Amino acid sequence: MKIFITFAQILLIYLIFLAGEGITYLLKFQKLPGSFVGLVILFCLLKFRVIRLEWVEKGAKWLLAELLLFFVPPTVGIIQFPQIFGLEGLRMVAVVWISLAVVMCITGLVAEFLQKRKKGKAI
């Protein structure tokens, strides 16, 4: 029974993703990814309690646990492009590491701010 609940929750997350894709297509927002719009929709639905966290929690946890599997096909596909292993590849690796460091720093600062705010110490 647990597997059906998890599957249903993944399906709900996927439907919200498709809604985001549909919105970007209908409104012709080519520069804005539909997955991002779907993420914002999911956040708003959770924030305004249209859907409850329990309705997507198990499915989201499973997707996060299996996240590494979603990166295997693109990683294998990289082998088809030998130019990636040269100077162009080094540039891409540098961009990835710099953006990773920036994201980690900003995430840490936001988490620290929210923790202080939760304790009543922030503005």
PDB file of N, CA and C in Angstrom:
ATOM      1  N   MET A   1       0.823  -1.199   0.000  1.00  0.00           N
ATOM      2  CA  MET A   1       0.000   0.000   0.000  1.00  0.00           C
ATOM      3  C   MET A   1       0.866   1.263   0.000  1.00  0.00           C
ATOM      4  N   LYS A   2       2.003   1.192   0.710  1.00  0.00           N
ATOM      5  CA  LYS A   2       2.892   2.344   0.794  1.00  0.00           C
ATOM      6  C   LYS A   2       3.417   2.746  -0.581  1.00  0.00           C
ATOM      7  N   ILE A   3       3.690   1.743  -1.425  1.00  0.00           N
ATOM      8  CA  ILE A   3       4.214   2.037  -2.758  1.00  0.00           C
ATOM      9  C   ILE A   3       3.178   2.780  -3.615  1.00  0.00           C
ATOM     10  N   PHE A   4       1.908   2.459  -3.428  1.00  0.00           N
ATOM     11  CA  PHE A   4       0.859   3.149  -4.182  1.00  0.00           C
ATOM     12  C   PHE A   4       0.719   4.598  -3.727  1.00  0.00           C
ATOM     13  N   ILE A   5       0.864   4.819  -2.434  1.00  0.00           N
ATOM     14  CA  ILE A   5       0.804   6.189  -1.909  1.00  0.00           C
ATOM     15  C   ILE A   5       1.975   6.999  -2.456  1.00  0.00           C
ATOM     16  N   THR A   6       3.167   6.407  -2.423  1.00  0.00           N
ATOM     17  CA  THR A   6       4.348   7.093  -2.950  1.00  0.00           C
ATOM     18  C   THR A   6       4.179   7.383  -4.436  1.00  0.00           C
ATOM     19  N   PHE A   7       3.693   6.404  -5.183  1.00  0.00           N
ATOM     20  CA  PHE A   7       3.465   6.599  -6.617  1.00  0.00           C
ATOM     21  C   PHE A   7       2.453   7.709  -6.868  1.00  0.00           C
ATOM     22  N   ALA A   8       1.371   7.740  -6.104  1.00  0.00           N
ATOM     23  CA  ALA A   8       0.353   8.784  -6.261  1.00  0.00           C
ATOM     24  C   ALA A   8       0.941  10.163  -5.956  1.00  0.00           C
ATOM     25  N   GLN A   9       1.805  10.235  -4.957  1.00  0.00           N
ATOM     26  CA  GLN A   9       2.412  11.516  -4.611  1.00  0.00           C
ATOM     27  C   GLN A   9       3.377  11.968  -5.706  1.00  0.00           C
ATOM     28  N   ILE A  10       4.125  11.034  -6.265  1.00  0.00           N
ATOM     29  CA  ILE A  10       5.009  11.382  -7.381  1.00  0.00           C
ATOM     30  C   ILE A  10       4.185  11.846  -8.574  1.00  0.00           C
ATOM     31  N   LEU A  11       3.066  11.205  -8.806  1.00  0.00           N
ATOM     32  CA  LEU A  11       2.170  11.606  -9.888  1.00  0.00           C
ATOM     33  C   LEU A  11       1.642  13.021  -9.660  1.00  0.00           C
ATOM     34  N   LEU A  12       1.278  13.354  -8.424  1.00  0.00           N
ATOM     35  CA  LEU A  12       0.811  14.709  -8.107  1.00  0.00           C
ATOM     36  C   LEU A  12       1.917  15.727  -8.362  1.00  0.00           C
ATOM     37  N   ILE A  13       3.140  15.420  -7.942  1.00  0.00           N
ATOM     38  CA  ILE A  13       4.274  16.322  -8.197  1.00  0.00           C
ATOM     39  C   ILE A  13       4.487  16.480  -9.699  1.00  0.00           C
ATOM     40  N   TYR A  14       4.379  15.381 -10.427  1.00  0.00           N
ATOM     41  CA  TYR A  14       4.551  15.439 -11.879  1.00  0.00           C
ATOM     42  C   TYR A  14       3.458  16.259 -12.546  1.00  0.00           C
ATOM     43  N   LEU A  15       2.238  16.135 -12.077  1.00  0.00           N
ATOM     44  CA  LEU A  15       1.138  16.939 -12.642  1.00  0.00           C
ATOM     45  C   LEU A  15       1.366  18.429 -12.400  1.00  0.00           C
ATOM     46  N   ILE A  16       1.911  18.776 -11.239  1.00  0.00           N
ATOM     47  CA  ILE A  16       2.225  20.177 -10.967  1.00  0.00           C
ATOM     48  C   ILE A  16       3.354  20.649 -11.873  1.00  0.00           C
ATOM     49  N   PHE A  17       4.333  19.774 -12.118  1.00  0.00           N
ATOM     50  CA  PHE A  17       5.398  20.082 -13.072  1.00  0.00           C
ATOM     51  C   PHE A  17       4.819  20.330 -14.470  1.00  0.00           C
ATOM     52  N   LEU A  18       3.890  19.454 -14.886  1.00  0.00           N
ATOM     53  CA  LEU A  18       3.264  19.631 -16.204  1.00  0.00           C
ATOM     54  C   LEU A  18       2.456  20.919 -16.276  1.00  0.00           C
ATOM     55  N   ALA A  19       1.822  21.295 -15.163  1.00  0.00           N
ATOM     56  CA  ALA A  19       1.093  22.565 -15.130  1.00  0.00           C
ATOM     57  C   ALA A  19       2.054  23.731 -15.352  1.00  0.00           C
ATOM     58  N   GLY A  20       3.224  23.665 -14.732  1.00  0.00           N
ATOM     59  CA  GLY A  20       4.239  24.704 -14.941  1.00  0.00           C
ATOM     60  C   GLY A  20       4.708  24.750 -16.381  1.00  0.00           C
ATOM     61  N   GLU A  21       4.925  23.578 -16.967  1.00  0.00           N
ATOM     62  CA  GLU A  21       5.321  23.519 -18.376  1.00  0.00           C
ATOM     63  C   GLU A  21       4.231  24.111 -19.268  1.00  0.00           C
ATOM     64  N   GLY A  22       2.976  23.763 -18.968  1.00  0.00           N
ATOM     65  CA  GLY A  22       1.858  24.278 -19.763  1.00  0.00           C
ATOM     66  C   GLY A  22       1.721  25.785 -19.655  1.00  0.00           C
ATOM     67  N   ILE A  23       1.915  26.318 -18.470  1.00  0.00           N
ATOM     68  CA  ILE A  23       1.811  27.769 -18.278  1.00  0.00           C
ATOM     69  C   ILE A  23       2.895  28.493 -19.073  1.00  0.00           C
ATOM     70  N   THR A  24       4.141  27.994 -19.008  1.00  0.00           N
ATOM     71  CA  THR A  24       5.206  28.658 -19.771  1.00  0.00           C
ATOM     72  C   THR A  24       4.965  28.541 -21.274  1.00  0.00           C
ATOM     73  N   TYR A  25       4.361  27.439 -21.699  1.00  0.00           N
ATOM     74  CA  TYR A  25       4.072  27.272 -23.122  1.00  0.00           C
ATOM     75  C   TYR A  25       2.948  28.214 -23.564  1.00  0.00           C
ATOM     76  N   LEU A  26       1.875  28.266 -22.789  1.00  0.00           N
ATOM     77  CA  LEU A  26       0.735  29.105 -23.155  1.00  0.00           C
ATOM     78  C   LEU A  26       1.060  30.595 -23.107  1.00  0.00           C
ATOM     79  N   LEU A  27       1.859  30.982 -22.109  1.00  0.00           N
ATOM     80  CA  LEU A  27       2.207  32.399 -21.971  1.00  0.00           C
ATOM     81  C   LEU A  27       3.479  32.764 -22.732  1.00  0.00           C
ATOM     82  N   LYS A  28       4.050  31.786 -23.417  1.00  0.00           N
ATOM     83  CA  LYS A  28       5.233  31.971 -24.255  1.00  0.00           C
ATOM     84  C   LYS A  28       6.419  32.542 -23.473  1.00  0.00           C
ATOM     85  N   PHE A  29       6.670  31.962 -22.297  1.00  0.00           N
ATOM     86  CA  PHE A  29       7.832  32.319 -21.480  1.00  0.00           C
ATOM     87  C   PHE A  29       8.962  31.348 -21.807  1.00  0.00           C
ATOM     88  N   GLN A  30       9.607  31.536 -22.967  1.00  0.00           N
ATOM     89  CA  GLN A  30      10.653  30.604 -23.371  1.00  0.00           C
ATOM     90  C   GLN A  30      11.876  30.688 -22.455  1.00  0.00           C
ATOM     91  N   LYS A  31      12.117  31.834 -21.870  1.00  0.00           N
ATOM     92  CA  LYS A  31      13.310  31.997 -21.043  1.00  0.00           C
ATOM     93  C   LYS A  31      13.112  31.462 -19.626  1.00  0.00           C
ATOM     94  N   LEU A  32      11.883  31.210 -19.232  1.00  0.00           N
ATOM     95  CA  LEU A  32      11.582  30.732 -17.891  1.00  0.00           C
ATOM     96  C   LEU A  32      11.251  29.239 -17.955  1.00  0.00           C
ATOM     97  N   PRO A  33      12.029  28.400 -17.292  1.00  0.00           N
ATOM     98  CA  PRO A  33      11.775  26.954 -17.361  1.00  0.00           C
ATOM     99  C   PRO A  33      10.439  26.583 -16.721  1.00  0.00           C
ATOM    100  N   GLY A  34       9.728  25.694 -17.357  1.00  0.00           N
ATOM    101  CA  GLY A  34       8.453  25.233 -16.826  1.00  0.00           C
ATOM    102  C   GLY A  34       8.600  24.518 -15.498  1.00  0.00           C
ATOM    103  N   SER A  35       9.746  23.845 -15.302  1.00  0.00           N
ATOM    104  CA  SER A  35       9.970  23.161 -14.027  1.00  0.00           C
ATOM    105  C   SER A  35      10.058  24.159 -12.880  1.00  0.00           C
ATOM    106  N   PHE A  36      10.638  25.323 -13.146  1.00  0.00           N
ATOM    107  CA  PHE A  36      10.712  26.362 -12.117  1.00  0.00           C
ATOM    108  C   PHE A  36       9.319  26.893 -11.793  1.00  0.00           C
ATOM    109  N   VAL A  37       8.519  27.115 -12.817  1.00  0.00           N
ATOM    110  CA  VAL A  37       7.139  27.574 -12.600  1.00  0.00           C
ATOM    111  C   VAL A  37       6.363  26.518 -11.805  1.00  0.00           C
ATOM    112  N   GLY A  38       6.558  25.254 -12.138  1.00  0.00           N
ATOM    113  CA  GLY A  38       5.915  24.175 -11.391  1.00  0.00           C
ATOM    114  C   GLY A  38       6.354  24.164  -9.938  1.00  0.00           C
ATOM    115  N   LEU A  39       7.640  24.417  -9.698  1.00  0.00           N
ATOM    116  CA  LEU A  39       8.154  24.477  -8.331  1.00  0.00           C
ATOM    117  C   LEU A  39       7.510  25.625  -7.557  1.00  0.00           C
ATOM    118  N   VAL A  40       7.358  26.771  -8.204  1.00  0.00           N
ATOM    119  CA  VAL A  40       6.703  27.916  -7.566  1.00  0.00           C
ATOM    120  C   VAL A  40       5.235  27.594  -7.282  1.00  0.00           C
ATOM    121  N   ILE A  41       4.585  26.928  -8.213  1.00  0.00           N
ATOM    122  CA  ILE A  41       3.188  26.527  -8.000  1.00  0.00           C
ATOM    123  C   ILE A  41       3.089  25.594  -6.806  1.00  0.00           C
ATOM    124  N   LEU A  42       3.974  24.599  -6.746  1.00  0.00           N
ATOM    125  CA  LEU A  42       3.971  23.665  -5.620  1.00  0.00           C
ATOM    126  C   LEU A  42       4.212  24.397  -4.305  1.00  0.00           C
ATOM    127  N   PHE A  43       5.162  25.319  -4.300  1.00  0.00           N
ATOM    128  CA  PHE A  43       5.436  26.093  -3.091  1.00  0.00           C
ATOM    129  C   PHE A  43       4.201  26.881  -2.654  1.00  0.00           C
ATOM    130  N   CYS A  44       3.561  27.547  -3.613  1.00  0.00           N
ATOM    131  CA  CYS A  44       2.366  28.344  -3.279  1.00  0.00           C
ATOM    132  C   CYS A  44       1.229  27.453  -2.770  1.00  0.00           C
ATOM    133  N   LEU A  45       1.048  26.313  -3.408  1.00  0.00           N
ATOM    134  CA  LEU A  45      -0.002  25.392  -2.956  1.00  0.00           C
ATOM    135  C   LEU A  45       0.267  24.901  -1.533  1.00  0.00           C
ATOM    136  N   LEU A  46       1.531  24.659  -1.215  1.00  0.00           N
ATOM    137  CA  LEU A  46       1.876  24.240   0.142  1.00  0.00           C
ATOM    138  C   LEU A  46       1.776  25.401   1.125  1.00  0.00           C
ATOM    139  N   LYS A  47       2.237  26.573   0.713  1.00  0.00           N
ATOM    140  CA  LYS A  47       2.234  27.745   1.594  1.00  0.00           C
ATOM    141  C   LYS A  47       0.814  28.155   1.964  1.00  0.00           C
ATOM    142  N   PHE A  48      -0.078  28.161   1.004  1.00  0.00           N
ATOM    143  CA  PHE A  48      -1.455  28.586   1.257  1.00  0.00           C
ATOM    144  C   PHE A  48      -2.360  27.418   1.645  1.00  0.00           C
ATOM    145  N   ARG A  49      -1.732  26.283   1.927  1.00  0.00           N
ATOM    146  CA  ARG A  49      -2.412  25.092   2.441  1.00  0.00           C
ATOM    147  C   ARG A  49      -3.539  24.581   1.530  1.00  0.00           C
ATOM    148  N   VAL A  50      -3.328  24.754   0.231  1.00  0.00           N
ATOM    149  CA  VAL A  50      -4.257  24.161  -0.726  1.00  0.00           C
ATOM    150  C   VAL A  50      -4.026  22.647  -0.741  1.00  0.00           C
ATOM    151  N   ILE A  51      -2.762  22.261  -0.718  1.00  0.00           N
ATOM    152  CA  ILE A  51      -2.419  20.862  -0.515  1.00  0.00           C
ATOM    153  C   ILE A  51      -1.567  20.778   0.752  1.00  0.00           C
ATOM    154  N   ARG A  52      -1.648  19.640   1.419  1.00  0.00           N
ATOM    155  CA  ARG A  52      -0.883  19.464   2.651  1.00  0.00           C
ATOM    156  C   ARG A  52       0.436  18.770   2.349  1.00  0.00           C
ATOM    157  N   LEU A  53       1.400  19.013   3.191  1.00  0.00           N
ATOM    158  CA  LEU A  53       2.727  18.434   3.001  1.00  0.00           C
ATOM    159  C   LEU A  53       2.672  16.915   2.944  1.00  0.00           C
ATOM    160  N   GLU A  54       1.803  16.319   3.732  1.00  0.00           N
ATOM    161  CA  GLU A  54       1.687  14.859   3.753  1.00  0.00           C
ATOM    162  C   GLU A  54       1.281  14.294   2.391  1.00  0.00           C
ATOM    163  N   TRP A  55       0.665  15.112   1.561  1.00  0.00           N
ATOM    164  CA  TRP A  55       0.201  14.650   0.259  1.00  0.00           C
ATOM    165  C   TRP A  55       1.352  14.463  -0.734  1.00  0.00           C
ATOM    166  N   VAL A  56       2.499  15.075  -0.483  1.00  0.00           N
ATOM    167  CA  VAL A  56       3.628  14.965  -1.415  1.00  0.00           C
ATOM    168  C   VAL A  56       4.924  14.542  -0.734  1.00  0.00           C
ATOM    169  N   GLU A  57       4.924  14.405   0.578  1.00  0.00           N
ATOM    170  CA  GLU A  57       6.163  14.192   1.326  1.00  0.00           C
ATOM    171  C   GLU A  57       6.868  12.876   0.974  1.00  0.00           C
ATOM    172  N   LYS A  58       6.164  11.768   0.972  1.00  0.00           N
ATOM    173  CA  LYS A  58       6.804  10.468   0.690  1.00  0.00           C
ATOM    174  C   LYS A  58       7.320  10.408  -0.748  1.00  0.00           C
ATOM    175  N   GLY A  59       6.547  10.925  -1.675  1.00  0.00           N
ATOM    176  CA  GLY A  59       6.989  10.944  -3.071  1.00  0.00           C
ATOM    177  C   GLY A  59       8.213  11.815  -3.265  1.00  0.00           C
ATOM    178  N   ALA A  60       8.228  12.976  -2.616  1.00  0.00           N
ATOM    179  CA  ALA A  60       9.380  13.875  -2.721  1.00  0.00           C
ATOM    180  C   ALA A  60      10.615  13.251  -2.084  1.00  0.00           C
ATOM    181  N   LYS A  61      10.440  12.585  -0.957  1.00  0.00           N
ATOM    182  CA  LYS A  61      11.581  11.927  -0.306  1.00  0.00           C
ATOM    183  C   LYS A  61      12.142  10.825  -1.203  1.00  0.00           C
ATOM    184  N   TRP A  62      11.281  10.059  -1.857  1.00  0.00           N
ATOM    185  CA  TRP A  62      11.765   9.013  -2.744  1.00  0.00           C
ATOM    186  C   TRP A  62      12.527   9.614  -3.923  1.00  0.00           C
ATOM    187  N   LEU A  63      11.975  10.682  -4.514  1.00  0.00           N
ATOM    188  CA  LEU A  63      12.645  11.321  -5.644  1.00  0.00           C
ATOM    189  C   LEU A  63      14.012  11.868  -5.232  1.00  0.00           C
ATOM    190  N   LEU A  64      14.092  12.457  -4.059  1.00  0.00           N
ATOM    191  CA  LEU A  64      15.381  12.961  -3.583  1.00  0.00           C
ATOM    192  C   LEU A  64      16.362  11.830  -3.301  1.00  0.00           C
ATOM    193  N   ALA A  65      15.855  10.728  -2.766  1.00  0.00           N
ATOM    194  CA  ALA A  65      16.729   9.594  -2.470  1.00  0.00           C
ATOM    195  C   ALA A  65      17.300   8.985  -3.751  1.00  0.00           C
ATOM    196  N   GLU A  66      16.549   9.012  -4.817  1.00  0.00           N
ATOM    197  CA  GLU A  66      16.982   8.423  -6.085  1.00  0.00           C
ATOM    198  C   GLU A  66      17.512   9.464  -7.065  1.00  0.00           C
ATOM    199  N   LEU A  67      17.819  10.643  -6.592  1.00  0.00           N
ATOM    200  CA  LEU A  67      18.250  11.744  -7.451  1.00  0.00           C
ATOM    201  C   LEU A  67      19.490  11.396  -8.270  1.00  0.00           C
ATOM    202  N   LEU A  68      20.403  10.665  -7.671  1.00  0.00           N
ATOM    203  CA  LEU A  68      21.634  10.305  -8.375  1.00  0.00           C
ATOM    204  C   LEU A  68      21.352   9.528  -9.655  1.00  0.00           C
ATOM    205  N   LEU A  69      20.332   8.682  -9.636  1.00  0.00           N
ATOM    206  CA  LEU A  69      19.990   7.905 -10.830  1.00  0.00           C
ATOM    207  C   LEU A  69      19.573   8.794 -12.005  1.00  0.00           C
ATOM    208  N   PHE A  70      19.002   9.966 -11.704  1.00  0.00           N
ATOM    209  CA  PHE A  70      18.553  10.854 -12.771  1.00  0.00           C
ATOM    210  C   PHE A  70      19.715  11.531 -13.484  1.00  0.00           C
ATOM    211  N   PHE A  71      20.914  11.503 -12.867  1.00  0.00           N
ATOM    212  CA  PHE A  71      22.073  12.136 -13.484  1.00  0.00           C
ATOM    213  C   PHE A  71      22.946  11.155 -14.257  1.00  0.00           C
ATOM    214  N   VAL A  72      22.677   9.867 -14.184  1.00  0.00           N
ATOM    215  CA  VAL A  72      23.499   8.882 -14.875  1.00  0.00           C
ATOM    216  C   VAL A  72      23.406   9.036 -16.400  1.00  0.00           C
ATOM    217  N   PRO A  73      22.217   9.107 -17.010  1.00  0.00           N
ATOM    218  CA  PRO A  73      22.179   9.237 -18.481  1.00  0.00           C
ATOM    219  C   PRO A  73      22.892  10.477 -19.020  1.00  0.00           C
ATOM    220  N   PRO A  74      22.715  11.671 -18.424  1.00  0.00           N
ATOM    221  CA  PRO A  74      23.479  12.807 -18.949  1.00  0.00           C
ATOM    222  C   PRO A  74      24.986  12.627 -18.784  1.00  0.00           C
ATOM    223  N   THR A  75      25.394  12.005 -17.709  1.00  0.00           N
ATOM    224  CA  THR A  75      26.825  11.798 -17.482  1.00  0.00           C
ATOM    225  C   THR A  75      27.405  10.854 -18.526  1.00  0.00           C
ATOM    226  N   VAL A  76      26.688   9.793 -18.832  1.00  0.00           N
ATOM    227  CA  VAL A  76      27.142   8.864 -19.864  1.00  0.00           C
ATOM    228  C   VAL A  76      27.126   9.546 -21.231  1.00  0.00           C
ATOM    229  N   GLY A  77      26.154  10.410 -21.464  1.00  0.00           N
ATOM    230  CA  GLY A  77      26.054  11.118 -22.738  1.00  0.00           C
ATOM    231  C   GLY A  77      27.201  12.077 -22.991  1.00  0.00           C
ATOM    232  N   ILE A  78      27.851  12.531 -21.937  1.00  0.00           N
ATOM    233  CA  ILE A  78      28.973  13.468 -22.077  1.00  0.00           C
ATOM    234  C   ILE A  78      30.116  12.840 -22.859  1.00  0.00           C
ATOM    235  N   ILE A  79      30.251  11.532 -22.771  1.00  0.00           N
ATOM    236  CA  ILE A  79      31.347  10.833 -23.442  1.00  0.00           C
ATOM    237  C   ILE A  79      31.299  11.050 -24.958  1.00  0.00           C
ATOM    238  N   GLN A  80      30.159  11.370 -25.502  1.00  0.00           N
ATOM    239  CA  GLN A  80      30.014  11.583 -26.942  1.00  0.00           C
ATOM    240  C   GLN A  80      30.630  12.896 -27.405  1.00  0.00           C
ATOM    241  N   PHE A  81      31.022  13.770 -26.470  1.00  0.00           N
ATOM    242  CA  PHE A  81      31.552  15.085 -26.822  1.00  0.00           C
ATOM    243  C   PHE A  81      32.988  15.222 -26.309  1.00  0.00           C
ATOM    244  N   PRO A  82      33.962  14.871 -27.138  1.00  0.00           N
ATOM    245  CA  PRO A  82      35.360  14.894 -26.675  1.00  0.00           C
ATOM    246  C   PRO A  82      35.867  16.298 -26.340  1.00  0.00           C
ATOM    247  N   GLN A  83      35.275  17.341 -26.910  1.00  0.00           N
ATOM    248  CA  GLN A  83      35.733  18.699 -26.623  1.00  0.00           C
ATOM    249  C   GLN A  83      35.530  19.069 -25.153  1.00  0.00           C
ATOM    250  N   ILE A  84      34.653  18.353 -24.478  1.00  0.00           N
ATOM    251  CA  ILE A  84      34.407  18.625 -23.060  1.00  0.00           C
ATOM    252  C   ILE A  84      35.627  18.272 -22.224  1.00  0.00           C
ATOM    253  N   PHE A  85      36.445  17.357 -22.709  1.00  0.00           N
ATOM    254  CA  PHE A  85      37.612  16.933 -21.945  1.00  0.00           C
ATOM    255  C   PHE A  85      38.812  17.862 -22.146  1.00  0.00           C
ATOM    256  N   GLY A  86      38.660  18.918 -22.909  1.00  0.00           N
ATOM    257  CA  GLY A  86      39.737  19.876 -23.123  1.00  0.00           C
ATOM    258  C   GLY A  86      39.518  21.147 -22.320  1.00  0.00           C
ATOM    259  N   LEU A  87      39.942  22.273 -22.897  1.00  0.00           N
ATOM    260  CA  LEU A  87      39.843  23.571 -22.235  1.00  0.00           C
ATOM    261  C   LEU A  87      38.391  23.955 -21.973  1.00  0.00           C
ATOM    262  N   GLU A  88      37.518  23.627 -22.903  1.00  0.00           N
ATOM    263  CA  GLU A  88      36.085  23.927 -22.723  1.00  0.00           C
ATOM    264  C   GLU A  88      35.525  23.197 -21.508  1.00  0.00           C
ATOM    265  N   GLY A  89      35.964  21.979 -21.318  1.00  0.00           N
ATOM    266  CA  GLY A  89      35.533  21.200 -20.153  1.00  0.00           C
ATOM    267  C   GLY A  89      36.021  21.810 -18.856  1.00  0.00           C
ATOM    268  N   LEU A  90      37.253  22.296 -18.853  1.00  0.00           N
ATOM    269  CA  LEU A  90      37.786  22.947 -17.650  1.00  0.00           C
ATOM    270  C   LEU A  90      36.988  24.200 -17.301  1.00  0.00           C
ATOM    271  N   ARG A  91      36.612  24.943 -18.308  1.00  0.00           N
ATOM    272  CA  ARG A  91      35.780  26.135 -18.066  1.00  0.00           C
ATOM    273  C   ARG A  91      34.437  25.743 -17.454  1.00  0.00           C
ATOM    274  N   MET A  92      33.847  24.680 -17.998  1.00  0.00           N
ATOM    275  CA  MET A  92      32.552  24.243 -17.472  1.00  0.00           C
ATOM    276  C   MET A  92      32.689  23.751 -16.039  1.00  0.00           C
ATOM    277  N   VAL A  93      33.749  23.028 -15.747  1.00  0.00           N
ATOM    278  CA  VAL A  93      33.968  22.555 -14.377  1.00  0.00           C
ATOM    279  C   VAL A  93      34.152  23.738 -13.435  1.00  0.00           C
ATOM    280  N   ALA A  94      34.896  24.749 -13.870  1.00  0.00           N
ATOM    281  CA  ALA A  94      35.095  25.945 -13.042  1.00  0.00           C
ATOM    282  C   ALA A  94      33.766  26.641 -12.765  1.00  0.00           C
ATOM    283  N   VAL A  95      32.936  26.764 -13.782  1.00  0.00           N
ATOM    284  CA  VAL A  95      31.631  27.404 -13.592  1.00  0.00           C
ATOM    285  C   VAL A  95      30.771  26.599 -12.618  1.00  0.00           C
ATOM    286  N   VAL A  96      30.800  25.291 -12.752  1.00  0.00           N
ATOM    287  CA  VAL A  96      30.016  24.437 -11.855  1.00  0.00           C
ATOM    288  C   VAL A  96      30.487  24.597 -10.415  1.00  0.00           C
ATOM    289  N   TRP A  97      31.800  24.567 -10.188  1.00  0.00           N
ATOM    290  CA  TRP A  97      32.328  24.677  -8.826  1.00  0.00           C
ATOM    291  C   TRP A  97      32.069  26.060  -8.232  1.00  0.00           C
ATOM    292  N   ILE A  98      32.220  27.096  -9.038  1.00  0.00           N
ATOM    293  CA  ILE A  98      31.952  28.457  -8.536  1.00  0.00           C
ATOM    294  C   ILE A  98      30.478  28.607  -8.204  1.00  0.00           C
ATOM    295  N   SER A  99      29.607  28.146  -9.092  1.00  0.00           N
ATOM    296  CA  SER A  99      28.170  28.267  -8.812  1.00  0.00           C
ATOM    297  C   SER A  99      27.779  27.401  -7.615  1.00  0.00           C
ATOM    298  N   LEU A 100      28.409  26.241  -7.458  1.00  0.00           N
ATOM    299  CA  LEU A 100      28.157  25.391  -6.297  1.00  0.00           C
ATOM    300  C   LEU A 100      28.534  26.116  -5.010  1.00  0.00           C
ATOM    301  N   ALA A 101      29.694  26.761  -5.006  1.00  0.00           N
ATOM    302  CA  ALA A 101      30.134  27.498  -3.816  1.00  0.00           C
ATOM    303  C   ALA A 101      29.189  28.650  -3.503  1.00  0.00           C
ATOM    304  N   VAL A 102      28.756  29.372  -4.533  1.00  0.00           N
ATOM    305  CA  VAL A 102      27.837  30.495  -4.320  1.00  0.00           C
ATOM    306  C   VAL A 102      26.507  29.994  -3.761  1.00  0.00           C
ATOM    307  N   VAL A 103      25.972  28.941  -4.338  1.00  0.00           N
ATOM    308  CA  VAL A 103      24.698  28.391  -3.861  1.00  0.00           C
ATOM    309  C   VAL A 103      24.822  27.908  -2.420  1.00  0.00           C
ATOM    310  N   MET A 104      25.915  27.227  -2.110  1.00  0.00           N
ATOM    311  CA  MET A 104      26.101  26.745  -0.737  1.00  0.00           C
ATOM    312  C   MET A 104      26.209  27.892   0.250  1.00  0.00           C
ATOM    313  N   CYS A 105      26.934  28.946  -0.107  1.00  0.00           N
ATOM    314  CA  CYS A 105      27.069  30.098   0.783  1.00  0.00           C
ATOM    315  C   CYS A 105      25.728  30.794   0.994  1.00  0.00           C
ATOM    316  N   ILE A 106      25.005  31.026  -0.077  1.00  0.00           N
ATOM    317  CA  ILE A 106      23.704  31.688   0.039  1.00  0.00           C
ATOM    318  C   ILE A 106      22.734  30.817   0.824  1.00  0.00           C
ATOM    319  N   THR A 107      22.734  29.521   0.572  1.00  0.00           N
ATOM    320  CA  THR A 107      21.863  28.613   1.331  1.00  0.00           C
ATOM    321  C   THR A 107      22.206  28.648   2.809  1.00  0.00           C
ATOM    322  N   GLY A 108      23.479  28.645   3.129  1.00  0.00           N
ATOM    323  CA  GLY A 108      23.902  28.723   4.523  1.00  0.00           C
ATOM    324  C   GLY A 108      23.463  30.023   5.181  1.00  0.00           C
ATOM    325  N   LEU A 109      23.629  31.135   4.477  1.00  0.00           N
ATOM    326  CA  LEU A 109      23.223  32.424   5.030  1.00  0.00           C
ATOM    327  C   LEU A 109      21.709  32.496   5.241  1.00  0.00           C
ATOM    328  N   VAL A 110      20.963  32.001   4.272  1.00  0.00           N
ATOM    329  CA  VAL A 110      19.499  32.000   4.408  1.00  0.00           C
ATOM    330  C   VAL A 110      19.067  31.092   5.554  1.00  0.00           C
ATOM    331  N   ALA A 111      19.675  29.914   5.668  1.00  0.00           N
ATOM    332  CA  ALA A 111      19.334  28.999   6.761  1.00  0.00           C
ATOM    333  C   ALA A 111      19.668  29.619   8.114  1.00  0.00           C
ATOM    334  N   GLU A 112      20.806  30.280   8.196  1.00  0.00           N
ATOM    335  CA  GLU A 112      21.193  30.947   9.443  1.00  0.00           C
ATOM    336  C   GLU A 112      20.215  32.064   9.787  1.00  0.00           C
ATOM    337  N   PHE A 113      19.838  32.855   8.781  1.00  0.00           N
ATOM    338  CA  PHE A 113      18.879  33.931   9.003  1.00  0.00           C
ATOM    339  C   PHE A 113      17.535  33.381   9.483  1.00  0.00           C
ATOM    340  N   LEU A 114      17.067  32.318   8.831  1.00  0.00           N
ATOM    341  CA  LEU A 114      15.780  31.736   9.219  1.00  0.00           C
ATOM    342  C   LEU A 114      15.841  31.121  10.620  1.00  0.00           C
ATOM    343  N   GLN A 115      16.978  30.542  10.961  1.00  0.00           N
ATOM    344  CA  GLN A 115      17.132  29.977  12.301  1.00  0.00           C
ATOM    345  C   GLN A 115      17.090  31.083  13.354  1.00  0.00           C
ATOM    346  N   LYS A 116      17.762  32.201  13.091  1.00  0.00           N
ATOM    347  CA  LYS A 116      17.735  33.329  14.028  1.00  0.00           C
ATOM    348  C   LYS A 116      16.333  33.924  14.103  1.00  0.00           C
ATOM    349  N   ARG A 117      15.696  34.000  12.967  1.00  0.00           N
ATOM    350  CA  ARG A 117      14.323  34.552  12.930  1.00  0.00           C
ATOM    351  C   ARG A 117      13.366  33.671  13.727  1.00  0.00           C
ATOM    352  N   LYS A 118      13.559  32.373  13.619  1.00  0.00           N
ATOM    353  CA  LYS A 118      12.718  31.432  14.339  1.00  0.00           C
ATOM    354  C   LYS A 118      12.902  31.589  15.848  1.00  0.00           C
ATOM    355  N   LYS A 119      14.095  31.897  16.261  1.00  0.00           N
ATOM    356  CA  LYS A 119      14.374  32.106  17.685  1.00  0.00           C
ATOM    357  C   LYS A 119      14.018  33.532  18.136  1.00  0.00           C
ATOM    358  N   GLY A 120      13.647  34.392  17.187  1.00  0.00           N
ATOM    359  CA  GLY A 120      13.233  35.752  17.517  1.00  0.00           C
ATOM    360  C   GLY A 120      14.365  36.748  17.591  1.00  0.00           C
ATOM    361  N   LYS A 121      15.540  36.423  17.029  1.00  0.00           N
ATOM    362  CA  LYS A 121      16.692  37.316  17.090  1.00  0.00           C
ATOM    363  C   LYS A 121      16.873  38.153  15.845  1.00  0.00           C
ATOM    364  N   ALA A 122      16.208  37.806  14.772  1.00  0.00           N
ATOM    365  CA  ALA A 122      16.386  38.533  13.509  1.00  0.00           C
ATOM    366  C   ALA A 122      15.396  39.696  13.444  1.00  0.00           C
ATOM    367  N   ILE A 123      15.601  40.548  12.468  1.00  0.00           N
ATOM    368  CA  ILE A 123      14.767  41.737  12.288  1.00  0.00           C
ATOM    369  C   ILE A 123      13.360  41.353  11.921  1.00  0.00           C
TER     370      ILE A 123
END
